[in-house]
Amino acid sequence: MIEEAPLQLYSSALVFAPERSIVRKQFNDQIPHWICRPPKVSRDWSQVEQTLEGHSDWVSSVAFSPDGSKMASGSRDRTVRIWDISTGQVEQTLRGHLVSVWSVVFSPDGSKVASGSRDHTIRLWDVATGQVKQIFKGHSDWVWSVAFSPDSSKVASGSGDRTIRIWDIATGKVEQTLKGHSVSVTSIAFSPDGSKIASGSNDRTIRVWDIATGKIEQTLEGHLVSVWSVAFSPDGSKVVVSGSDDCTVRVWDIATGQVKQTLEGHSDWVSSVTFSPDSSKVASGSRDYTVRLWDVATGQIEQTLRGHLDWVSSLAFSRDGSKVASGSYDRTVIVWDVATGQVEQAFKGHSDWVRSIAFSPDGSKVASGSSDCTIQVWDVATRQVKQTLKGHSDPVTSAAFSGEGGRSHSFYPLDISGRWVTRNGLRILYLPFDFMPGEVASRGNAMVVGSLTGRVTIIIFDSGVNVETV
């Protein structure tokens, strides 16, 4: 963006900077005077350190490299991307899978990435060159999860064919096929010493396997529905964490098979769980769009990280435990600072996507229809909700005021990318990720942006200013 439109981007940075940020205070008098009423913003910066955009479909899996300098992400767009954490740039785009990539993982030495896909294969990639080193074939259904052994000599894969396969990287051959789950194996993890594998399944159980014998050591039962994610504690204390459709996270003692903690707080499926490197914290991602950080000893929530626009599908801690990366169905990867506070949302009223917005004929009100089955009527001057109209039993896909024959002419339409506000064909204001439009309505000099988060943002411009000369 800086290379494309540096001057316009400075305007956007000031307009959308938090109220109490240093840049906002220092350069408040430089906010473009052709914006009569800027959007309402949060008071402070959020805990998001990086938002990595590039995938054209859901991000299903993320993983840090062992040294924390890179990240791998797998997507439904059939690619694996390798990112530089410091710059946020894509270093490699790995293409070869025929359909969605469901799982990615770095080898312990950081030189390789393994990916599992709906095309029934596991691919082993060279991080430096981006070339495929091995393709492992044998599963008869989707590969949901992949994991490297601690010594990098093996790759394990869990599949919709109900099996776990352990592959020898040197030969490309299957060493073990573990059978026991009654439906799909959705998640697998090696123990720190490499002697065991934990597997989670849609059959509601977690199984702990002895790799040498291929036998089941423990069957952990307690979840009410599917288990989507499992992880061993890195400290070797024989503890496994699991996340489930029952909205809970459970911490298990695999020596006894008993639950040590049941962590409750998510309002929807828990799709991903992972331990911090020191085993003191658990991170969980959910269909409720949040990432939660838990204290393992007390079972209490330490942080609730909000910012994704859709399901959180995958999580990974950096090696030093200071960052958590999350991948989401909103097509992004977000890197969070573990130590920071909560995000304050501005002008959020709907609890789901804003699917339609419209101005009243006199421009004083805005109606927004949402997937939360409601219509909200907003006062443009005060930015407050005047009415919440309830009654629909399904998402509201269109809303309009009486007397409205379609959208009014706007002097400030969006460009083809949907991210820039334009004037007479010139890009004048860039809309950041948090304000990414799902639906836009405009009337004259006023614009309303409805986002996938439920946020409604009103911006009013001064048409008397020649922005071409600004």
Protein backbone atom coordinates (compact mmCIF):
# COMPACT_ATOMS: atom_id res chain seq x y z
CA MET A 1 0.00 0.00 0.00
CA ILE A 2 2.81 2.46 0.84
CA GLU A 3 4.37 1.89 -2.59
CA GLU A 4 1.03 2.38 -4.37
CA ALA A 5 -0.35 5.43 -2.55
CA PRO A 6 1.92 6.83 0.16
CA LEU A 7 0.23 10.21 0.68
CA GLN A 8 -3.29 8.79 0.84
CA LEU A 9 -2.14 6.08 3.24
CA TYR A 10 -0.89 8.69 5.71
CA SER A 11 -4.42 10.12 5.79
CA SER A 12 -5.90 6.68 6.45
CA ALA A 13 -3.37 5.99 9.20
CA LEU A 14 -4.40 9.14 11.06
CA VAL A 15 -8.14 8.74 10.51
CA PHE A 16 -8.23 5.17 11.82
CA ALA A 17 -5.55 5.48 14.53
CA PRO A 18 -6.89 4.87 18.09
CA GLU A 19 -7.94 7.91 20.14
CA ARG A 20 -5.14 7.60 22.71
CA SER A 21 -2.39 6.56 20.31
CA ILE A 22 0.76 8.69 20.16
CA VAL A 23 0.44 9.27 16.42
CA ARG A 24 -3.17 10.47 16.80
CA LYS A 25 -2.27 12.91 19.59
CA GLN A 26 0.87 14.17 17.87
CA PHE A 27 -0.68 14.75 14.44
CA ASN A 28 -4.35 15.33 15.28
CA ASP A 29 -4.29 18.66 13.45
CA GLN A 30 -3.20 16.86 10.28
CA ILE A 31 -6.37 14.75 9.97
CA PRO A 32 -7.79 15.59 6.54
CA HIS A 33 -10.18 18.51 6.84
CA TRP A 34 -12.28 17.15 3.97
CA ILE A 35 -13.63 14.53 6.40
CA CYS A 36 -16.34 16.32 8.40
CA ARG A 37 -17.07 13.40 10.68
CA PRO A 38 -14.39 10.72 10.91
CA PRO A 39 -15.21 7.13 11.89
CA LYS A 40 -15.40 6.20 15.56
CA VAL A 41 -12.30 4.25 16.53
CA SER A 42 -11.08 2.30 19.55
CA ARG A 43 -9.28 4.08 22.38
CA ASP A 44 -6.08 2.05 22.16
CA TRP A 45 -4.24 -0.18 19.72
CA SER A 46 -5.42 -3.78 19.69
CA GLN A 47 -3.16 -6.70 20.52
CA VAL A 48 -2.79 -7.63 16.85
CA GLU A 49 0.87 -7.46 15.82
CA GLN A 50 0.49 -8.62 12.24
CA THR A 51 -2.38 -9.42 9.90
CA LEU A 52 -1.08 -11.50 7.01
CA GLU A 53 -3.30 -11.29 3.94
CA GLY A 54 -2.81 -13.21 0.72
CA HIS A 55 -4.84 -16.41 0.73
CA SER A 56 -7.94 -16.34 -1.45
CA ASP A 57 -9.93 -18.72 0.78
CA TRP A 58 -10.11 -20.04 4.36
CA VAL A 59 -6.89 -20.43 6.32
CA SER A 60 -7.22 -23.84 7.94
CA SER A 61 -3.84 -24.26 9.64
CA VAL A 62 -0.85 -22.22 10.85
CA ALA A 63 2.53 -23.12 12.33
CA PHE A 64 5.61 -21.20 13.49
CA SER A 65 9.08 -22.24 12.42
CA PRO A 66 11.21 -23.43 15.38
CA ASP A 67 13.22 -20.18 15.47
CA GLY A 68 10.07 -18.03 15.30
CA SER A 69 11.17 -16.13 12.19
CA LYS A 70 8.72 -17.75 9.77
CA MET A 71 5.18 -18.98 9.66
CA ALA A 72 3.47 -21.51 7.44
CA SER A 73 -0.22 -21.33 6.60
CA GLY A 74 -2.41 -23.82 4.76
CA SER A 75 -5.63 -22.83 3.04
CA ARG A 76 -8.66 -24.00 1.16
CA ASP A 77 -7.15 -22.15 -1.80
CA ARG A 78 -4.91 -25.28 -2.19
CA THR A 79 -1.69 -23.48 -1.30
CA VAL A 80 0.80 -23.39 1.57
CA ARG A 81 2.40 -20.02 2.21
CA ILE A 82 5.64 -19.32 4.07
CA TRP A 83 5.68 -15.87 5.71
CA ASP A 84 8.46 -13.72 7.11
CA ILE A 85 7.21 -12.66 10.55
CA SER A 86 9.27 -9.48 10.78
CA THR A 87 8.07 -8.05 7.46
CA GLY A 88 4.71 -9.79 7.01
CA GLN A 89 5.72 -10.71 3.46
CA VAL A 90 5.19 -14.05 1.70
CA GLU A 91 8.52 -15.80 1.12
CA GLN A 92 7.16 -18.88 -0.66
CA THR A 93 3.82 -19.96 -2.10
CA LEU A 94 3.83 -23.76 -2.30
CA ARG A 95 1.50 -25.16 -4.96
CA GLY A 96 0.80 -28.79 -5.75
CA HIS A 97 -2.18 -29.99 -3.71
CA LEU A 98 -5.28 -30.56 -5.83
CA VAL A 99 -7.78 -29.38 -3.19
CA SER A 100 -7.88 -27.81 0.29
CA VAL A 101 -4.86 -27.94 2.60
CA TRP A 102 -6.06 -28.82 6.11
CA SER A 103 -2.86 -29.05 8.13
CA VAL A 104 0.69 -27.68 8.04
CA VAL A 105 3.66 -28.19 10.35
CA PHE A 106 7.37 -27.30 10.37
CA SER A 107 9.99 -29.97 10.99
CA PRO A 108 11.85 -29.48 14.31
CA ASP A 109 14.94 -28.29 12.42
CA GLY A 110 12.89 -25.76 10.39
CA SER A 111 14.09 -27.00 7.00
CA LYS A 112 10.89 -28.74 5.92
CA VAL A 113 7.12 -28.24 6.03
CA ALA A 114 4.61 -31.08 5.86
CA SER A 115 1.07 -30.47 4.59
CA GLY A 116 -2.02 -32.66 4.62
CA SER A 117 -4.87 -32.21 2.18
CA ARG A 118 -8.32 -33.23 1.07
CA ASP A 119 -6.58 -34.81 -1.93
CA HIS A 120 -5.66 -37.71 0.44
CA THR A 121 -1.91 -36.94 0.31
CA ILE A 122 0.81 -35.57 2.55
CA ARG A 123 3.47 -33.43 0.89
CA LEU A 124 6.90 -32.70 2.28
CA TRP A 125 8.32 -29.34 1.15
CA ASP A 126 11.79 -27.81 1.23
CA VAL A 127 11.38 -24.41 2.93
CA ALA A 128 14.41 -22.83 1.21
CA THR A 129 13.52 -23.81 -2.37
CA GLY A 130 9.75 -24.32 -2.19
CA GLN A 131 10.13 -27.68 -3.93
CA VAL A 132 8.27 -30.89 -3.04
CA LYS A 133 10.65 -33.46 -1.53
CA GLN A 134 8.17 -36.29 -0.93
CA ILE A 135 4.51 -37.12 -1.62
CA PHE A 136 3.06 -39.72 0.74
CA LYS A 137 0.07 -41.62 -0.66
CA GLY A 138 -1.99 -44.29 1.05
CA HIS A 139 -4.97 -42.69 2.81
CA SER A 140 -8.36 -43.27 1.23
CA ASP A 141 -9.93 -40.08 2.58
CA TRP A 142 -9.03 -36.49 3.57
CA VAL A 143 -5.87 -35.94 5.59
CA TRP A 144 -7.03 -33.82 8.53
CA SER A 145 -3.81 -33.52 10.53
CA VAL A 146 -0.04 -33.97 10.18
CA ALA A 147 2.78 -33.94 12.76
CA PHE A 148 6.55 -34.43 12.75
CA SER A 149 8.28 -36.68 15.27
CA PRO A 150 10.68 -34.78 17.57
CA ASP A 151 13.73 -36.19 15.73
CA SER A 152 12.29 -35.23 12.29
CA SER A 153 12.61 -38.82 11.05
CA LYS A 154 8.88 -39.50 10.85
CA VAL A 155 5.64 -37.82 9.84
CA ALA A 156 2.28 -38.93 11.25
CA SER A 157 -1.04 -38.27 9.53
CA GLY A 158 -4.65 -38.56 10.70
CA SER A 159 -7.39 -39.11 8.16
CA GLY A 160 -11.07 -39.36 7.44
CA ASP A 161 -10.41 -43.03 6.68
CA ARG A 162 -10.28 -43.51 10.50
CA THR A 163 -6.58 -44.38 10.56
CA ILE A 164 -3.32 -42.82 11.70
CA ARG A 165 -0.29 -43.55 9.54
CA ILE A 166 3.33 -43.12 10.55
CA TRP A 167 5.65 -42.51 7.61
CA ASP A 168 9.44 -42.92 7.41
CA ILE A 169 10.75 -39.75 5.76
CA ALA A 170 13.91 -41.39 4.41
CA THR A 171 12.07 -44.17 2.55
CA GLY A 172 8.60 -42.67 2.09
CA LYS A 173 7.10 -45.91 3.39
CA VAL A 174 4.38 -46.45 6.01
CA GLU A 175 5.89 -47.82 9.26
CA GLN A 176 2.63 -48.18 11.18
CA THR A 177 -1.10 -47.94 10.48
CA LEU A 178 -2.98 -47.35 13.73
CA LYS A 179 -6.62 -48.42 13.74
CA GLY A 180 -9.19 -48.00 16.49
CA HIS A 181 -11.23 -44.85 15.95
CA SER A 182 -14.73 -45.44 14.60
CA VAL A 183 -14.89 -42.23 12.50
CA SER A 184 -12.53 -39.52 11.18
CA VAL A 185 -9.25 -38.77 12.95
CA THR A 186 -9.20 -34.97 13.11
CA SER A 187 -6.04 -34.22 15.08
CA ILE A 188 -2.78 -35.90 16.05
CA ALA A 189 0.26 -34.98 18.15
CA PHE A 190 3.56 -36.65 19.08
CA SER A 191 4.64 -36.75 22.72
CA PRO A 192 7.83 -34.76 23.46
CA ASP A 193 9.94 -37.93 23.64
CA GLY A 194 8.45 -39.29 20.41
CA SER A 195 7.25 -42.55 21.99
CA LYS A 196 3.52 -41.82 21.86
CA ILE A 197 0.87 -40.27 19.65
CA ALA A 198 -2.37 -38.68 20.82
CA SER A 199 -5.30 -38.62 18.40
CA GLY A 200 -8.64 -36.84 18.52
CA SER A 201 -11.66 -38.00 16.57
CA ASN A 202 -15.24 -37.33 15.63
CA ASP A 203 -16.04 -40.40 17.72
CA ARG A 204 -15.71 -38.06 20.78
CA THR A 205 -12.58 -39.78 22.15
CA ILE A 206 -8.87 -39.08 22.47
CA ARG A 207 -6.61 -42.11 22.13
CA VAL A 208 -3.01 -42.38 23.25
CA TRP A 209 -0.92 -44.85 21.24
CA ASP A 210 2.42 -46.57 21.86
CA ILE A 211 4.34 -46.05 18.62
CA ALA A 212 6.63 -49.05 19.06
CA THR A 213 3.80 -51.54 19.46
CA GLY A 214 0.95 -49.74 17.71
CA LYS A 215 -1.27 -50.45 20.73
CA ILE A 216 -3.72 -48.10 22.45
CA GLU A 217 -2.48 -47.14 25.95
CA GLN A 218 -5.44 -44.95 26.93
CA THR A 219 -8.86 -44.03 25.60
CA LEU A 220 -9.88 -40.69 27.10
CA GLU A 221 -13.65 -40.24 27.21
CA GLY A 222 -15.65 -37.28 28.44
CA HIS A 223 -16.30 -34.93 25.54
CA LEU A 224 -19.94 -34.92 24.46
CA VAL A 225 -19.29 -34.50 20.74
CA SER A 226 -16.43 -34.42 18.22
CA VAL A 227 -12.85 -33.71 19.30
CA TRP A 228 -11.17 -31.35 16.84
CA SER A 229 -7.76 -30.72 18.34
CA VAL A 230 -5.25 -32.39 20.69
CA ALA A 231 -1.78 -31.39 21.95
CA PHE A 232 0.80 -32.78 24.36
CA SER A 233 2.31 -30.52 27.02
CA PRO A 234 5.92 -29.75 26.01
CA ASP A 235 7.31 -30.35 29.53
CA GLY A 236 6.85 -34.13 29.27
CA SER A 237 4.43 -34.28 32.21
CA LYS A 238 2.13 -36.67 30.36
CA VAL A 239 -0.64 -34.11 29.99
CA VAL A 240 -2.83 -33.77 26.88
CA VAL A 241 -5.21 -30.91 26.06
CA SER A 242 -8.24 -31.33 23.79
CA GLY A 243 -10.84 -29.05 22.19
CA SER A 244 -14.33 -30.14 21.19
CA ASP A 245 -17.66 -29.29 19.62
CA ASP A 246 -19.06 -29.27 23.17
CA CYS A 247 -17.44 -25.80 23.56
CA THR A 248 -14.99 -27.02 26.22
CA VAL A 249 -11.24 -27.46 26.53
CA ARG A 250 -10.12 -30.41 28.65
CA VAL A 251 -6.75 -31.08 30.21
CA TRP A 252 -6.06 -34.80 30.75
CA ASP A 253 -3.59 -36.84 32.80
CA ILE A 254 -2.75 -39.67 30.41
CA ALA A 255 -1.21 -41.79 33.16
CA THR A 256 -4.59 -42.09 34.89
CA GLY A 257 -6.93 -41.22 32.01
CA GLN A 258 -8.63 -38.62 34.21
CA VAL A 259 -9.60 -35.02 33.43
CA LYS A 260 -7.45 -32.53 35.38
CA GLN A 261 -9.29 -29.39 34.20
CA THR A 262 -12.40 -28.59 32.17
CA LEU A 263 -12.02 -25.07 30.75
CA GLU A 264 -15.34 -23.45 29.92
CA GLY A 265 -15.93 -20.09 28.31
CA HIS A 266 -16.24 -20.48 24.56
CA SER A 267 -19.75 -20.13 23.15
CA ASP A 268 -19.18 -22.38 20.15
CA TRP A 269 -17.02 -25.28 18.98
CA VAL A 270 -13.39 -25.30 20.05
CA SER A 271 -11.52 -26.01 16.82
CA SER A 272 -7.89 -25.70 17.92
CA VAL A 273 -5.83 -25.99 21.11
CA THR A 274 -2.13 -25.73 21.89
CA PHE A 275 0.20 -25.42 24.89
CA SER A 276 2.63 -22.55 25.41
CA PRO A 277 6.28 -23.69 25.26
CA ASP A 278 6.58 -23.63 29.08
CA SER A 279 3.31 -25.61 29.46
CA SER A 280 1.83 -22.95 31.76
CA LYS A 281 -0.80 -21.74 29.29
CA VAL A 282 -3.24 -23.20 26.81
CA ALA A 283 -4.52 -21.27 23.83
CA SER A 284 -7.86 -22.23 22.29
CA GLY A 285 -9.51 -21.06 19.08
CA SER A 286 -13.21 -21.32 18.40
CA ARG A 287 -16.09 -20.87 16.03
CA ASP A 288 -17.06 -17.98 18.30
CA TYR A 289 -14.28 -16.04 16.44
CA THR A 290 -12.12 -15.69 19.57
CA VAL A 291 -8.80 -16.96 20.82
CA ARG A 292 -8.63 -17.57 24.58
CA LEU A 293 -5.54 -17.92 26.73
CA TRP A 294 -5.93 -20.07 29.84
CA ASP A 295 -3.82 -20.56 32.96
CA VAL A 296 -3.35 -24.33 33.19
CA ALA A 297 -2.82 -24.37 36.96
CA THR A 298 -5.96 -22.40 37.85
CA GLY A 299 -8.17 -23.05 34.82
CA GLN A 300 -8.87 -19.31 34.54
CA ILE A 301 -9.03 -17.26 31.34
CA GLU A 302 -6.10 -14.84 31.11
CA GLN A 303 -6.98 -13.22 27.80
CA THR A 304 -9.77 -13.22 25.25
CA LEU A 305 -8.39 -12.11 21.89
CA ARG A 306 -10.94 -10.69 19.47
CA GLY A 307 -10.31 -9.58 15.91
CA HIS A 308 -11.15 -12.38 13.48
CA LEU A 309 -14.23 -12.07 11.32
CA ASP A 310 -14.94 -15.81 11.20
CA TRP A 311 -14.07 -19.16 12.82
CA VAL A 312 -10.61 -19.52 14.31
CA SER A 313 -9.37 -22.77 12.81
CA SER A 314 -5.75 -23.09 13.92
CA LEU A 315 -3.31 -21.83 16.57
CA ALA A 316 0.42 -21.85 17.22
CA PHE A 317 2.67 -20.32 19.89
CA SER A 318 6.02 -18.80 18.98
CA ARG A 319 8.98 -20.60 20.45
CA ASP A 320 9.49 -18.01 23.22
CA GLY A 321 5.78 -17.97 24.08
CA SER A 322 5.40 -14.24 23.54
CA LYS A 323 3.18 -14.55 20.46
CA VAL A 324 0.23 -16.61 19.31
CA ALA A 325 -0.68 -16.98 15.65
CA SER A 326 -4.23 -17.77 14.63
CA GLY A 327 -5.66 -18.78 11.26
CA SER A 328 -9.28 -18.22 10.41
CA TYR A 329 -12.04 -18.81 7.90
CA ASP A 330 -11.88 -15.03 7.32
CA ARG A 331 -8.84 -15.86 5.14
CA THR A 332 -6.29 -14.15 7.38
CA VAL A 333 -3.54 -15.05 9.78
CA ILE A 334 -3.21 -12.82 12.83
CA VAL A 335 -0.19 -12.64 15.10
CA TRP A 336 -1.07 -11.60 18.66
CA ASP A 337 1.03 -10.28 21.50
CA VAL A 338 0.23 -12.56 24.45
CA ALA A 339 0.85 -9.88 27.10
CA THR A 340 -1.47 -7.13 25.82
CA GLY A 341 -5.05 -6.17 26.77
CA GLN A 342 -8.48 -6.40 25.20
CA VAL A 343 -9.70 -4.92 21.94
CA GLU A 344 -12.35 -2.21 22.26
CA GLN A 345 -14.85 -2.40 19.40
CA ALA A 346 -16.38 0.79 18.10
CA PHE A 347 -19.92 1.05 16.80
CA LYS A 348 -20.63 -2.61 17.08
CA GLY A 349 -24.23 -3.59 17.45
CA HIS A 350 -24.93 -6.66 15.36
CA SER A 351 -23.71 -10.01 16.59
CA ASP A 352 -23.10 -11.39 13.10
CA TRP A 353 -22.36 -10.26 9.55
CA VAL A 354 -23.90 -7.02 8.31
CA ARG A 355 -25.43 -8.13 5.02
CA SER A 356 -27.29 -5.01 3.92
CA ILE A 357 -27.33 -1.32 4.77
CA ALA A 358 -29.38 1.60 3.48
CA PHE A 359 -29.83 5.32 4.13
CA SER A 360 -33.20 6.87 4.85
CA PRO A 361 -34.33 9.27 2.09
CA ASP A 362 -33.36 12.32 4.18
CA GLY A 363 -29.97 10.85 5.07
CA SER A 364 -30.53 11.12 8.83
CA LYS A 365 -30.80 7.39 9.51
CA VAL A 366 -29.23 4.15 8.41
CA ALA A 367 -30.82 0.71 8.47
CA SER A 368 -28.62 -2.38 8.67
CA GLY A 369 -29.72 -5.97 8.13
CA SER A 370 -27.66 -8.80 9.56
CA SER A 371 -27.13 -12.53 9.81
CA ASP A 372 -28.18 -12.15 13.45
CA CYS A 373 -31.76 -11.93 12.04
CA THR A 374 -32.26 -8.31 13.14
CA ILE A 375 -32.48 -4.88 11.52
CA GLN A 376 -30.96 -1.96 13.38
CA VAL A 377 -31.84 1.66 12.70
CA TRP A 378 -28.97 4.06 13.47
CA ASP A 379 -28.98 7.82 13.95
CA VAL A 380 -26.28 9.22 11.67
CA ALA A 381 -25.64 12.31 13.81
CA THR A 382 -25.19 10.50 17.12
CA ARG A 383 -24.09 7.06 15.81
CA GLN A 384 -26.48 5.46 18.29
CA VAL A 385 -28.95 2.65 17.64
CA LYS A 386 -32.46 4.10 17.66
CA GLN A 387 -34.27 0.80 17.15
CA THR A 388 -33.55 -2.89 16.89
CA LEU A 389 -36.19 -4.61 14.79
CA LYS A 390 -36.65 -8.29 15.56
CA GLY A 391 -38.89 -10.87 14.00
CA HIS A 392 -37.00 -12.57 11.20
CA SER A 393 -36.09 -16.20 11.78
CA ASP A 394 -33.31 -16.16 9.17
CA PRO A 395 -30.55 -13.73 8.18
CA VAL A 396 -31.68 -10.34 6.85
CA THR A 397 -30.12 -10.06 3.39
CA SER A 398 -31.65 -6.76 2.30
CA ALA A 399 -32.94 -3.65 4.05
CA ALA A 400 -34.40 -0.46 2.58
CA PHE A 401 -36.43 2.56 3.69
CA SER A 402 -39.79 3.31 2.09
CA GLY A 403 -39.53 5.68 -0.82
CA GLU A 404 -36.07 4.38 -1.71
CA GLY A 405 -35.74 3.26 -5.29
CA GLY A 406 -32.18 2.04 -5.03
CA ARG A 407 -28.87 3.41 -3.89
CA SER A 408 -28.38 7.13 -4.15
CA HIS A 409 -25.55 8.64 -6.12
CA SER A 410 -22.38 8.86 -4.09
CA PHE A 411 -19.50 11.26 -4.61
CA TYR A 412 -17.27 8.80 -2.72
CA PRO A 413 -17.63 5.26 -4.16
CA LEU A 414 -15.27 2.37 -3.38
CA ASP A 415 -12.74 1.26 -5.97
CA ILE A 416 -12.76 -2.22 -7.53
CA SER A 417 -10.75 -3.71 -4.64
CA GLY A 418 -13.39 -2.64 -2.13
CA ARG A 419 -10.72 -1.24 0.20
CA TRP A 420 -10.29 2.36 -1.08
CA VAL A 421 -12.74 5.26 -0.90
CA THR A 422 -12.41 7.28 -4.10
CA ARG A 423 -13.27 10.77 -5.30
CA ASN A 424 -13.44 11.50 -9.04
CA GLY A 425 -11.52 8.27 -9.66
CA LEU A 426 -8.72 9.06 -7.20
CA ARG A 427 -8.03 6.90 -4.15
CA ILE A 428 -8.29 9.10 -1.08
CA LEU A 429 -8.92 6.89 1.97
CA TYR A 430 -7.82 3.29 2.61
CA LEU A 431 -10.07 1.12 4.81
CA PRO A 432 -7.98 -0.98 7.26
CA PHE A 433 -8.64 -4.66 7.99
CA ASP A 434 -10.91 -3.97 11.00
CA PHE A 435 -13.13 -1.79 8.78
CA MET A 436 -13.11 -4.18 5.80
CA PRO A 437 -16.51 -3.68 4.15
CA GLY A 438 -19.05 -6.43 3.79
CA GLU A 439 -21.68 -3.99 2.56
CA VAL A 440 -21.58 -0.26 1.76
CA ALA A 441 -24.31 2.35 1.37
CA SER A 442 -23.82 5.99 0.52
CA ARG A 443 -25.83 9.10 -0.01
CA GLY A 444 -24.22 12.29 -1.22
CA ASN A 445 -21.30 13.03 1.09
CA ALA A 446 -22.08 10.35 3.68
CA MET A 447 -20.88 6.76 3.61
CA VAL A 448 -21.82 3.82 5.82
CA VAL A 449 -19.62 0.73 5.92
CA GLY A 450 -21.02 -2.52 7.36
CA SER A 451 -18.38 -5.12 8.17
CA LEU A 452 -18.34 -8.87 8.75
CA THR A 453 -17.69 -8.22 12.45
CA GLY A 454 -21.05 -6.48 12.91
CA ARG A 455 -19.41 -3.03 13.07
CA VAL A 456 -21.22 -0.16 11.35
CA THR A 457 -19.02 2.85 10.52
CA ILE A 458 -20.30 6.24 9.36
CA ILE A 459 -18.00 8.72 7.60
CA ILE A 460 -19.12 12.14 6.34
CA PHE A 461 -17.01 14.10 3.85
CA ASP A 462 -16.86 17.82 3.03
CA SER A 463 -17.70 18.16 -0.65
CA GLY A 464 -16.54 21.78 -0.63
CA VAL A 465 -12.90 20.76 -0.38
CA ASN A 466 -10.98 19.90 -3.54
CA VAL A 467 -9.42 16.64 -2.37
CA GLU A 468 -7.47 16.29 -5.62
CA THR A 469 -5.13 19.01 -4.37
CA VAL A 470 -4.79 17.59 -0.83
